[in-house]
Amino acid sequence: KLKELRDHITKNAHYVGPRFPEEARKIHYGEAEHRSI
């Protein structure tokens, strides 16, 4: 199930690499459209 979860996220979410903290903040504070990253 953990492998399925990981596969689902990597197939359906947007990869932002090392910019994850920056992108997560933008989404959280409404500066960017909500999406899975």
PDB file of all heavy atoms in Angstrom:
ATOM      1  N   LYS A   1       0.830  -1.209   0.000  1.00  0.00           N
ATOM      2  CA  LYS A   1       0.000   0.000   0.000  1.00  0.00           C
ATOM      3  C   LYS A   1       0.865   1.260   0.000  1.00  0.00           C
ATOM      4  O   LYS A   1       0.537   2.244  -0.673  1.00  0.00           O
ATOM      5  CB  LYS A   1      -0.956  -0.010   1.184  1.00  0.00           C
ATOM      6  CG  LYS A   1      -2.064  -1.037   1.045  1.00  0.00           C
ATOM      7  CD  LYS A   1      -3.071  -0.909   2.154  1.00  0.00           C
ATOM      8  CE  LYS A   1      -4.144  -1.971   2.064  1.00  0.00           C
ATOM      9  NZ  LYS A   1      -4.954  -1.900   0.864  1.00  0.00           N
ATOM     10  N   LEU A   2       1.979   1.243   0.734  1.00  0.00           N
ATOM     11  CA  LEU A   2       2.888   2.398   0.719  1.00  0.00           C
ATOM     12  C   LEU A   2       3.472   2.602  -0.678  1.00  0.00           C
ATOM     13  O   LEU A   2       3.593   3.732  -1.150  1.00  0.00           O
ATOM     14  CB  LEU A   2       4.008   2.213   1.744  1.00  0.00           C
ATOM     15  CG  LEU A   2       3.612   2.375   3.203  1.00  0.00           C
ATOM     16  CD1 LEU A   2       4.760   1.959   4.118  1.00  0.00           C
ATOM     17  CD2 LEU A   2       3.194   3.805   3.495  1.00  0.00           C
ATOM     18  N   LYS A   3       3.810   1.500  -1.340  1.00  0.00           N
ATOM     19  CA  LYS A   3       4.333   1.595  -2.707  1.00  0.00           C
ATOM     20  C   LYS A   3       3.264   2.155  -3.637  1.00  0.00           C
ATOM     21  O   LYS A   3       3.552   3.012  -4.482  1.00  0.00           O
ATOM     22  CB  LYS A   3       4.817   0.234  -3.189  1.00  0.00           C
ATOM     23  CG  LYS A   3       5.496   0.286  -4.548  1.00  0.00           C
ATOM     24  CD  LYS A   3       6.123  -1.034  -4.898  1.00  0.00           C
ATOM     25  CE  LYS A   3       6.834  -1.080  -6.207  1.00  0.00           C
ATOM     26  NZ  LYS A   3       6.572  -0.096  -7.184  1.00  0.00           N
ATOM     27  N   GLU A   4       2.018   1.698  -3.488  1.00  0.00           N
ATOM     28  CA  GLU A   4       0.925   2.230  -4.304  1.00  0.00           C
ATOM     29  C   GLU A   4       0.748   3.732  -4.070  1.00  0.00           C
ATOM     30  O   GLU A   4       0.541   4.497  -5.012  1.00  0.00           O
ATOM     31  CB  GLU A   4      -0.386   1.501  -3.992  1.00  0.00           C
ATOM     32  CG  GLU A   4      -0.495   0.134  -4.601  1.00  0.00           C
ATOM     33  CD  GLU A   4      -1.823  -0.546  -4.251  1.00  0.00           C
ATOM     34  OE1 GLU A   4      -2.537  -0.070  -3.327  1.00  0.00           O
ATOM     35  OE2 GLU A   4      -2.152  -1.544  -4.890  1.00  0.00           O
ATOM     36  N   LEU A   5       0.822   4.157  -2.805  1.00  0.00           N
ATOM     37  CA  LEU A   5       0.686   5.571  -2.469  1.00  0.00           C
ATOM     38  C   LEU A   5       1.787   6.386  -3.146  1.00  0.00           C
ATOM     39  O   LEU A   5       1.528   7.407  -3.781  1.00  0.00           O
ATOM     40  CB  LEU A   5       0.723   5.781  -0.954  1.00  0.00           C
ATOM     41  CG  LEU A   5       0.772   7.229  -0.476  1.00  0.00           C
ATOM     42  CD1 LEU A   5      -0.493   7.978  -0.860  1.00  0.00           C
ATOM     43  CD2 LEU A   5       1.002   7.277   1.027  1.00  0.00           C
ATOM     44  N   ARG A   6       3.007   5.916  -3.012  1.00  0.00           N
ATOM     45  CA  ARG A   6       4.139   6.625  -3.633  1.00  0.00           C
ATOM     46  C   ARG A   6       3.966   6.696  -5.149  1.00  0.00           C
ATOM     47  O   ARG A   6       4.147   7.754  -5.750  1.00  0.00           O
ATOM     48  CB  ARG A   6       5.451   5.930  -3.271  1.00  0.00           C
ATOM     49  CG  ARG A   6       6.653   6.633  -3.875  1.00  0.00           C
ATOM     50  CD  ARG A   6       7.957   5.952  -3.485  1.00  0.00           C
ATOM     51  NE  ARG A   6       9.064   6.604  -4.101  1.00  0.00           N
ATOM     52  CZ  ARG A   6       9.654   7.709  -3.656  1.00  0.00           C
ATOM     53  NH1 ARG A   6       9.218   8.281  -2.557  1.00  0.00           N
ATOM     54  NH2 ARG A   6      10.659   8.252  -4.297  1.00  0.00           N
ATOM     55  N   ASP A   7       3.601   5.579  -5.774  1.00  0.00           N
ATOM     56  CA  ASP A   7       3.407   5.552  -7.224  1.00  0.00           C
ATOM     57  C   ASP A   7       2.292   6.509  -7.641  1.00  0.00           C
ATOM     58  O   ASP A   7       2.417   7.224  -8.634  1.00  0.00           O
ATOM     59  CB  ASP A   7       3.093   4.132  -7.703  1.00  0.00           C
ATOM     60  CG  ASP A   7       4.283   3.189  -7.600  1.00  0.00           C
ATOM     61  OD1 ASP A   7       5.425   3.675  -7.404  1.00  0.00           O
ATOM     62  OD2 ASP A   7       4.067   1.971  -7.699  1.00  0.00           O
ATOM     63  N   HIS A   8       1.194   6.549  -6.878  1.00  0.00           N
ATOM     64  CA  HIS A   8       0.076   7.440  -7.196  1.00  0.00           C
ATOM     65  C   HIS A   8       0.523   8.903  -7.139  1.00  0.00           C
ATOM     66  O   HIS A   8       0.216   9.691  -8.041  1.00  0.00           O
ATOM     67  CB  HIS A   8      -1.088   7.207  -6.222  1.00  0.00           C
ATOM     68  CG  HIS A   8      -2.213   8.166  -6.415  1.00  0.00           C
ATOM     69  ND1 HIS A   8      -3.145   8.040  -7.418  1.00  0.00           N
ATOM     70  CD2 HIS A   8      -2.530   9.303  -5.740  1.00  0.00           C
ATOM     71  CE1 HIS A   8      -3.995   9.041  -7.356  1.00  0.00           C
ATOM     72  NE2 HIS A   8      -3.653   9.816  -6.345  1.00  0.00           N
ATOM     73  N   ILE A   9       1.269   9.253  -6.086  1.00  0.00           N
ATOM     74  CA  ILE A   9       1.715  10.643  -5.934  1.00  0.00           C
ATOM     75  C   ILE A   9       2.683  11.021  -7.055  1.00  0.00           C
ATOM     76  O   ILE A   9       2.546  12.076  -7.672  1.00  0.00           O
ATOM     77  CB  ILE A   9       2.346  10.866  -4.549  1.00  0.00           C
ATOM     78  CG1 ILE A   9       1.259  10.785  -3.472  1.00  0.00           C
ATOM     79  CG2 ILE A   9       3.070  12.205  -4.477  1.00  0.00           C
ATOM     80  CD1 ILE A   9       1.779  10.746  -2.055  1.00  0.00           C
ATOM     81  N   THR A  10       3.646  10.159  -7.333  1.00  0.00           N
ATOM     82  CA  THR A  10       4.638  10.514  -8.354  1.00  0.00           C
ATOM     83  C   THR A  10       4.022  10.560  -9.758  1.00  0.00           C
ATOM     84  O   THR A  10       4.531  11.260 -10.619  1.00  0.00           O
ATOM     85  CB  THR A  10       5.845   9.558  -8.334  1.00  0.00           C
ATOM     86  OG1 THR A  10       5.396   8.216  -8.517  1.00  0.00           O
ATOM     87  CG2 THR A  10       6.606   9.674  -7.028  1.00  0.00           C
ATOM     88  N   LYS A  11       2.910   9.852  -9.987  1.00  0.00           N
ATOM     89  CA  LYS A  11       2.251   9.884 -11.295  1.00  0.00           C
ATOM     90  C   LYS A  11       1.287  11.062 -11.424  1.00  0.00           C
ATOM     91  O   LYS A  11       1.076  11.573 -12.525  1.00  0.00           O
ATOM     92  CB  LYS A  11       1.492   8.574 -11.541  1.00  0.00           C
ATOM     93  CG  LYS A  11       2.405   7.408 -11.847  1.00  0.00           C
ATOM     94  CD  LYS A  11       1.619   6.130 -12.030  1.00  0.00           C
ATOM     95  CE  LYS A  11       2.568   4.948 -12.166  1.00  0.00           C
ATOM     96  NZ  LYS A  11       1.847   3.681 -12.094  1.00  0.00           N
ATOM     97  N   ASN A  12       0.684  11.491 -10.312  1.00  0.00           N
ATOM     98  CA  ASN A  12      -0.394  12.474 -10.392  1.00  0.00           C
ATOM     99  C   ASN A  12      -0.066  13.849  -9.826  1.00  0.00           C
ATOM    100  O   ASN A  12      -0.820  14.786 -10.045  1.00  0.00           O
ATOM    101  CB  ASN A  12      -1.639  11.918  -9.693  1.00  0.00           C
ATOM    102  CG  ASN A  12      -2.134  10.665 -10.378  1.00  0.00           C
ATOM    103  OD1 ASN A  12      -2.509  10.696 -11.531  1.00  0.00           O
ATOM    104  ND2 ASN A  12      -2.099   9.542  -9.668  1.00  0.00           N
ATOM    105  N   ALA A  13       1.003  13.980  -9.083  1.00  0.00           N
ATOM    106  CA  ALA A  13       1.371  15.275  -8.510  1.00  0.00           C
ATOM    107  C   ALA A  13       2.484  15.905  -9.341  1.00  0.00           C
ATOM    108  O   ALA A  13       3.175  15.224 -10.092  1.00  0.00           O
ATOM    109  CB  ALA A  13       1.813  15.100  -7.053  1.00  0.00           C
ATOM    110  N   HIS A  14       2.658  17.203  -9.168  1.00  0.00           N
ATOM    111  CA  HIS A  14       3.682  17.949  -9.903  1.00  0.00           C
ATOM    112  C   HIS A  14       4.986  17.925  -9.107  1.00  0.00           C
ATOM    113  O   HIS A  14       5.007  18.311  -7.940  1.00  0.00           O
ATOM    114  CB  HIS A  14       3.202  19.389 -10.124  1.00  0.00           C
ATOM    115  CG  HIS A  14       4.154  20.219 -10.902  1.00  0.00           C
ATOM    116  ND1 HIS A  14       4.191  20.214 -12.276  1.00  0.00           N
ATOM    117  CD2 HIS A  14       5.123  21.076 -10.502  1.00  0.00           C
ATOM    118  CE1 HIS A  14       5.135  21.035 -12.686  1.00  0.00           C
ATOM    119  NE2 HIS A  14       5.721  21.575 -11.633  1.00  0.00           N
ATOM    120  N   TYR A  15       6.079  17.488  -9.742  1.00  0.00           N
ATOM    121  CA  TYR A  15       7.383  17.444  -9.075  1.00  0.00           C
ATOM    122  C   TYR A  15       8.008  18.838  -9.103  1.00  0.00           C
ATOM    123  O   TYR A  15       8.199  19.421 -10.169  1.00  0.00           O
ATOM    124  CB  TYR A  15       8.300  16.429  -9.758  1.00  0.00           C
ATOM    125  CG  TYR A  15       9.693  16.401  -9.177  1.00  0.00           C
ATOM    126  CD1 TYR A  15       9.910  15.873  -7.914  1.00  0.00           C
ATOM    127  CD2 TYR A  15      10.771  16.913  -9.879  1.00  0.00           C
ATOM    128  CE1 TYR A  15      11.179  15.838  -7.367  1.00  0.00           C
ATOM    129  CE2 TYR A  15      12.048  16.892  -9.336  1.00  0.00           C
ATOM    130  CZ  TYR A  15      12.238  16.355  -8.080  1.00  0.00           C
ATOM    131  OH  TYR A  15      13.505  16.329  -7.534  1.00  0.00           O
ATOM    132  N   VAL A  16       8.331  19.359  -7.906  1.00  0.00           N
ATOM    133  CA  VAL A  16       8.930  20.695  -7.810  1.00  0.00           C
ATOM    134  C   VAL A  16      10.355  20.646  -7.282  1.00  0.00           C
ATOM    135  O   VAL A  16      10.989  21.686  -7.115  1.00  0.00           O
ATOM    136  CB  VAL A  16       8.059  21.636  -6.943  1.00  0.00           C
ATOM    137  CG1 VAL A  16       6.721  21.887  -7.612  1.00  0.00           C
ATOM    138  CG2 VAL A  16       7.888  21.091  -5.532  1.00  0.00           C
ATOM    139  N   GLY A  17      10.856  19.455  -7.009  1.00  0.00           N
ATOM    140  CA  GLY A  17      12.252  19.284  -6.575  1.00  0.00           C
ATOM    141  C   GLY A  17      12.577  20.049  -5.313  1.00  0.00           C
ATOM    142  O   GLY A  17      11.776  20.094  -4.375  1.00  0.00           O
ATOM    143  N   PRO A  18      13.733  20.707  -5.289  1.00  0.00           N
ATOM    144  CA  PRO A  18      14.162  21.410  -4.070  1.00  0.00           C
ATOM    145  C   PRO A  18      13.359  22.682  -3.797  1.00  0.00           C
ATOM    146  O   PRO A  18      13.520  23.295  -2.746  1.00  0.00           O
ATOM    147  CB  PRO A  18      15.636  21.739  -4.350  1.00  0.00           C
ATOM    148  CG  PRO A  18      15.781  21.694  -5.835  1.00  0.00           C
ATOM    149  CD  PRO A  18      14.756  20.715  -6.331  1.00  0.00           C
ATOM    150  N   ARG A  19      12.466  23.057  -4.719  1.00  0.00           N
ATOM    151  CA  ARG A  19      11.621  24.231  -4.491  1.00  0.00           C
ATOM    152  C   ARG A  19      10.386  23.886  -3.675  1.00  0.00           C
ATOM    153  O   ARG A  19       9.484  24.710  -3.513  1.00  0.00           O
ATOM    154  CB  ARG A  19      11.180  24.827  -5.840  1.00  0.00           C
ATOM    155  CG  ARG A  19      12.307  25.343  -6.706  1.00  0.00           C
ATOM    156  CD  ARG A  19      11.821  26.074  -7.968  1.00  0.00           C
ATOM    157  NE  ARG A  19      10.491  25.722  -8.430  1.00  0.00           N
ATOM    158  CZ  ARG A  19      10.200  24.787  -9.340  1.00  0.00           C
ATOM    159  NH1 ARG A  19      11.166  24.068  -9.888  1.00  0.00           N
ATOM    160  NH2 ARG A  19       8.952  24.552  -9.711  1.00  0.00           N
ATOM    161  N   PHE A  20      10.305  22.667  -3.133  1.00  0.00           N
ATOM    162  CA  PHE A  20       9.110  22.243  -2.408  1.00  0.00           C
ATOM    163  C   PHE A  20       8.695  23.214  -1.307  1.00  0.00           C
ATOM    164  O   PHE A  20       7.527  23.613  -1.266  1.00  0.00           O
ATOM    165  CB  PHE A  20       9.285  20.824  -1.834  1.00  0.00           C
ATOM    166  CG  PHE A  20       8.066  20.362  -1.076  1.00  0.00           C
ATOM    167  CD1 PHE A  20       7.002  19.793  -1.760  1.00  0.00           C
ATOM    168  CD2 PHE A  20       7.974  20.509   0.292  1.00  0.00           C
ATOM    169  CE1 PHE A  20       5.870  19.392  -1.082  1.00  0.00           C
ATOM    170  CE2 PHE A  20       6.845  20.108   0.979  1.00  0.00           C
ATOM    171  CZ  PHE A  20       5.784  19.539   0.290  1.00  0.00           C
ATOM    172  N   PRO A  21       9.589  23.637  -0.400  1.00  0.00           N
ATOM    173  CA  PRO A  21       9.137  24.552   0.666  1.00  0.00           C
ATOM    174  C   PRO A  21       8.542  25.854   0.107  1.00  0.00           C
ATOM    175  O   PRO A  21       7.501  26.318   0.577  1.00  0.00           O
ATOM    176  CB  PRO A  21      10.414  24.828   1.470  1.00  0.00           C
ATOM    177  CG  PRO A  21      11.297  23.661   1.187  1.00  0.00           C
ATOM    178  CD  PRO A  21      10.987  23.259  -0.223  1.00  0.00           C
ATOM    179  N   GLU A  22       9.182  26.407  -0.898  1.00  0.00           N
ATOM    180  CA  GLU A  22       8.710  27.661  -1.513  1.00  0.00           C
ATOM    181  C   GLU A  22       7.339  27.466  -2.157  1.00  0.00           C
ATOM    182  O   GLU A  22       6.416  28.274  -1.952  1.00  0.00           O
ATOM    183  CB  GLU A  22       9.737  28.108  -2.556  1.00  0.00           C
ATOM    184  CG  GLU A  22       9.355  29.324  -3.355  1.00  0.00           C
ATOM    185  CD  GLU A  22      10.349  29.602  -4.475  1.00  0.00           C
ATOM    186  OE1 GLU A  22      11.497  29.114  -4.402  1.00  0.00           O
ATOM    187  OE2 GLU A  22       9.956  30.289  -5.425  1.00  0.00           O
ATOM    188  N   GLU A  23       7.179  26.400  -2.939  1.00  0.00           N
ATOM    189  CA  GLU A  23       5.907  26.129  -3.615  1.00  0.00           C
ATOM    190  C   GLU A  23       4.805  25.813  -2.614  1.00  0.00           C
ATOM    191  O   GLU A  23       3.663  26.237  -2.787  1.00  0.00           O
ATOM    192  CB  GLU A  23       6.070  24.984  -4.615  1.00  0.00           C
ATOM    193  CG  GLU A  23       6.957  25.319  -5.794  1.00  0.00           C
ATOM    194  CD  GLU A  23       6.375  26.416  -6.677  1.00  0.00           C
ATOM    195  OE1 GLU A  23       5.155  26.424  -6.915  1.00  0.00           O
ATOM    196  OE2 GLU A  23       7.155  27.271  -7.127  1.00  0.00           O
ATOM    197  N   ALA A  24       5.129  25.054  -1.559  1.00  0.00           N
ATOM    198  CA  ALA A  24       4.131  24.722  -0.532  1.00  0.00           C
ATOM    199  C   ALA A  24       3.624  25.991   0.149  1.00  0.00           C
ATOM    200  O   ALA A  24       2.421  26.124   0.424  1.00  0.00           O
ATOM    201  CB  ALA A  24       4.726  23.759   0.488  1.00  0.00           C
ATOM    202  N   ARG A  25       4.516  26.935   0.419  1.00  0.00           N
ATOM    203  CA  ARG A  25       4.104  28.209   1.032  1.00  0.00           C
ATOM    204  C   ARG A  25       3.182  28.992   0.085  1.00  0.00           C
ATOM    205  O   ARG A  25       2.178  29.553   0.512  1.00  0.00           O
ATOM    206  CB  ARG A  25       5.334  29.043   1.380  1.00  0.00           C
ATOM    207  CG  ARG A  25       6.021  28.607   2.631  1.00  0.00           C
ATOM    208  CD  ARG A  25       7.111  29.599   3.059  1.00  0.00           C
ATOM    209  NE  ARG A  25       7.765  29.097   4.244  1.00  0.00           N
ATOM    210  CZ  ARG A  25       8.883  28.351   4.230  1.00  0.00           C
ATOM    211  NH1 ARG A  25       9.473  28.068   3.084  1.00  0.00           N
ATOM    212  NH2 ARG A  25       9.397  27.914   5.359  1.00  0.00           N
ATOM    213  N   LYS A  26       3.543  29.062  -1.198  1.00  0.00           N
ATOM    214  CA  LYS A  26       2.723  29.799  -2.166  1.00  0.00           C
ATOM    215  C   LYS A  26       1.305  29.230  -2.215  1.00  0.00           C
ATOM    216  O   LYS A  26       0.327  29.978  -2.243  1.00  0.00           O
ATOM    217  CB  LYS A  26       3.357  29.751  -3.560  1.00  0.00           C
ATOM    218  CG  LYS A  26       4.579  30.615  -3.712  1.00  0.00           C
ATOM    219  CD  LYS A  26       5.133  30.492  -5.127  1.00  0.00           C
ATOM    220  CE  LYS A  26       6.402  31.293  -5.316  1.00  0.00           C
ATOM    221  NZ  LYS A  26       6.962  31.120  -6.672  1.00  0.00           N
ATOM    222  N   ILE A  27       1.198  27.910  -2.228  1.00  0.00           N
ATOM    223  CA  ILE A  27      -0.121  27.266  -2.264  1.00  0.00           C
ATOM    224  C   ILE A  27      -0.863  27.534  -0.965  1.00  0.00           C
ATOM    225  O   ILE A  27      -2.042  27.906  -0.971  1.00  0.00           O
ATOM    226  CB  ILE A  27       0.024  25.745  -2.537  1.00  0.00           C
ATOM    227  CG1 ILE A  27       0.552  25.512  -3.957  1.00  0.00           C
ATOM    228  CG2 ILE A  27      -1.301  25.022  -2.317  1.00  0.00           C
ATOM    229  CD1 ILE A  27       0.978  24.085  -4.243  1.00  0.00           C
ATOM    230  N   HIS A  28      -0.184  27.375   0.164  1.00  0.00           N
ATOM    231  CA  HIS A  28      -0.811  27.555   1.478  1.00  0.00           C
ATOM    232  C   HIS A  28      -1.338  28.975   1.662  1.00  0.00           C
ATOM    233  O   HIS A  28      -2.427  29.180   2.197  1.00  0.00           O
ATOM    234  CB  HIS A  28       0.186  27.210   2.592  1.00  0.00           C
ATOM    235  CG  HIS A  28      -0.353  27.376   3.963  1.00  0.00           C
ATOM    236  ND1 HIS A  28      -1.236  26.481   4.526  1.00  0.00           N
ATOM    237  CD2 HIS A  28      -0.147  28.346   4.900  1.00  0.00           C
ATOM    238  CE1 HIS A  28      -1.543  26.876   5.744  1.00  0.00           C
ATOM    239  NE2 HIS A  28      -0.902  28.015   6.000  1.00  0.00           N
ATOM    240  N   TYR A  29      -0.581  29.972   1.230  1.00  0.00           N
ATOM    241  CA  TYR A  29      -0.970  31.366   1.431  1.00  0.00           C
ATOM    242  C   TYR A  29      -1.787  31.926   0.266  1.00  0.00           C
ATOM    243  O   TYR A  29      -2.049  33.124   0.210  1.00  0.00           O
ATOM    244  CB  TYR A  29       0.269  32.226   1.693  1.00  0.00           C
ATOM    245  CG  TYR A  29       0.932  31.878   3.018  1.00  0.00           C
ATOM    246  CD1 TYR A  29       2.216  31.342   3.051  1.00  0.00           C
ATOM    247  CD2 TYR A  29       0.266  32.068   4.224  1.00  0.00           C
ATOM    248  CE1 TYR A  29       2.823  31.011   4.259  1.00  0.00           C
ATOM    249  CE2 TYR A  29       0.863  31.743   5.440  1.00  0.00           C
ATOM    250  CZ  TYR A  29       2.138  31.216   5.444  1.00  0.00           C
ATOM    251  OH  TYR A  29       2.726  30.885   6.639  1.00  0.00           O
ATOM    252  N   GLY A  30      -2.189  31.071  -0.686  1.00  0.00           N
ATOM    253  CA  GLY A  30      -3.059  31.499  -1.772  1.00  0.00           C
ATOM    254  C   GLY A  30      -2.358  32.257  -2.881  1.00  0.00           C
ATOM    255  O   GLY A  30      -3.016  32.874  -3.719  1.00  0.00           O
ATOM    256  N   GLU A  31      -1.035  32.218  -2.921  1.00  0.00           N
ATOM    257  CA  GLU A  31      -0.290  32.915  -3.978  1.00  0.00           C
ATOM    258  C   GLU A  31      -0.183  32.076  -5.242  1.00  0.00           C
ATOM    259  O   GLU A  31       0.229  32.580  -6.280  1.00  0.00           O
ATOM    260  CB  GLU A  31       1.107  33.274  -3.468  1.00  0.00           C
ATOM    261  CG  GLU A  31       1.104  34.218  -2.278  1.00  0.00           C
ATOM    262  CD  GLU A  31       2.481  34.349  -1.631  1.00  0.00           C
ATOM    263  OE1 GLU A  31       3.479  33.890  -2.232  1.00  0.00           O
ATOM    264  OE2 GLU A  31       2.545  34.901  -0.522  1.00  0.00           O
ATOM    265  N   ALA A  32      -0.519  30.806  -5.138  1.00  0.00           N
ATOM    266  CA  ALA A  32      -0.503  29.897  -6.292  1.00  0.00           C
ATOM    267  C   ALA A  32      -1.734  29.006  -6.196  1.00  0.00           C
ATOM    268  O   ALA A  32      -2.276  28.772  -5.113  1.00  0.00           O
ATOM    269  CB  ALA A  32       0.772  29.048  -6.297  1.00  0.00           C
ATOM    270  N   GLU A  33      -2.166  28.503  -7.340  1.00  0.00           N
ATOM    271  CA  GLU A  33      -3.340  27.626  -7.382  1.00  0.00           C
ATOM    272  C   GLU A  33      -3.061  26.331  -6.616  1.00  0.00           C
ATOM    273  O   GLU A  33      -1.957  25.772  -6.680  1.00  0.00           O
ATOM    274  CB  GLU A  33      -3.635  27.304  -8.852  1.00  0.00           C
ATOM    275  CG  GLU A  33      -4.863  26.461  -9.056  1.00  0.00           C
ATOM    276  CD  GLU A  33      -5.103  26.144 -10.529  1.00  0.00           C
ATOM    277  OE1 GLU A  33      -4.630  26.921 -11.388  1.00  0.00           O
ATOM    278  OE2 GLU A  33      -5.742  25.126 -10.799  1.00  0.00           O
ATOM    279  N   HIS A  34      -4.074  25.862  -5.903  1.00  0.00           N
ATOM    280  CA  HIS A  34      -3.912  24.627  -5.134  1.00  0.00           C
ATOM    281  C   HIS A  34      -3.741  23.452  -6.085  1.00  0.00           C
ATOM    282  O   HIS A  34      -4.491  23.287  -7.045  1.00  0.00           O
ATOM    283  CB  HIS A  34      -5.116  24.374  -4.228  1.00  0.00           C
ATOM    284  CG  HIS A  34      -4.888  23.201  -3.317  1.00  0.00           C
ATOM    285  ND1 HIS A  34      -5.088  21.912  -3.732  1.00  0.00           N
ATOM    286  CD2 HIS A  34      -4.441  23.126  -2.043  1.00  0.00           C
ATOM    287  CE1 HIS A  34      -4.782  21.088  -2.745  1.00  0.00           C
ATOM    288  NE2 HIS A  34      -4.393  21.802  -1.712  1.00  0.00           N
ATOM    289  N   ARG A  35      -2.704  22.677  -5.852  1.00  0.00           N
ATOM    290  CA  ARG A  35      -2.433  21.478  -6.626  1.00  0.00           C
ATOM    291  C   ARG A  35      -1.567  20.556  -5.778  1.00  0.00           C
ATOM    292  O   ARG A  35      -0.953  20.975  -4.807  1.00  0.00           O
ATOM    293  CB  ARG A  35      -1.734  21.820  -7.942  1.00  0.00           C
ATOM    294  CG  ARG A  35      -0.320  22.367  -7.771  1.00  0.00           C
ATOM    295  CD  ARG A  35       0.179  22.992  -9.078  1.00  0.00           C
ATOM    296  NE  ARG A  35       1.594  23.266  -9.078  1.00  0.00           N
ATOM    297  CZ  ARG A  35       2.187  24.281  -8.457  1.00  0.00           C
ATOM    298  NH1 ARG A  35       1.471  25.117  -7.741  1.00  0.00           N
ATOM    299  NH2 ARG A  35       3.492  24.458  -8.529  1.00  0.00           N
ATOM    300  N   SER A  36      -1.525  19.293  -6.161  1.00  0.00           N
ATOM    301  CA  SER A  36      -0.672  18.334  -5.460  1.00  0.00           C
ATOM    302  C   SER A  36       0.752  18.481  -5.985  1.00  0.00           C
ATOM    303  O   SER A  36       0.970  18.504  -7.194  1.00  0.00           O
ATOM    304  CB  SER A  36      -1.148  16.903  -5.694  1.00  0.00           C
ATOM    305  OG  SER A  36      -2.422  16.720  -5.132  1.00  0.00           O
ATOM    306  N   ILE A  37       1.687  18.589  -5.051  1.00  0.00           N
ATOM    307  CA  ILE A  37       3.105  18.704  -5.420  1.00  0.00           C
ATOM    308  C   ILE A  37       3.915  17.738  -4.570  1.00  0.00           C
ATOM    309  O   ILE A  37       3.473  17.290  -3.511  1.00  0.00           O
ATOM    310  CB  ILE A  37       3.642  20.146  -5.237  1.00  0.00           C
ATOM    311  CG1 ILE A  37       3.559  20.577  -3.767  1.00  0.00           C
ATOM    312  CG2 ILE A  37       2.921  21.123  -6.150  1.00  0.00           C
ATOM    313  CD1 ILE A  37       4.268  21.898  -3.459  1.00  0.00           C
TER     314      ILE A  37
END
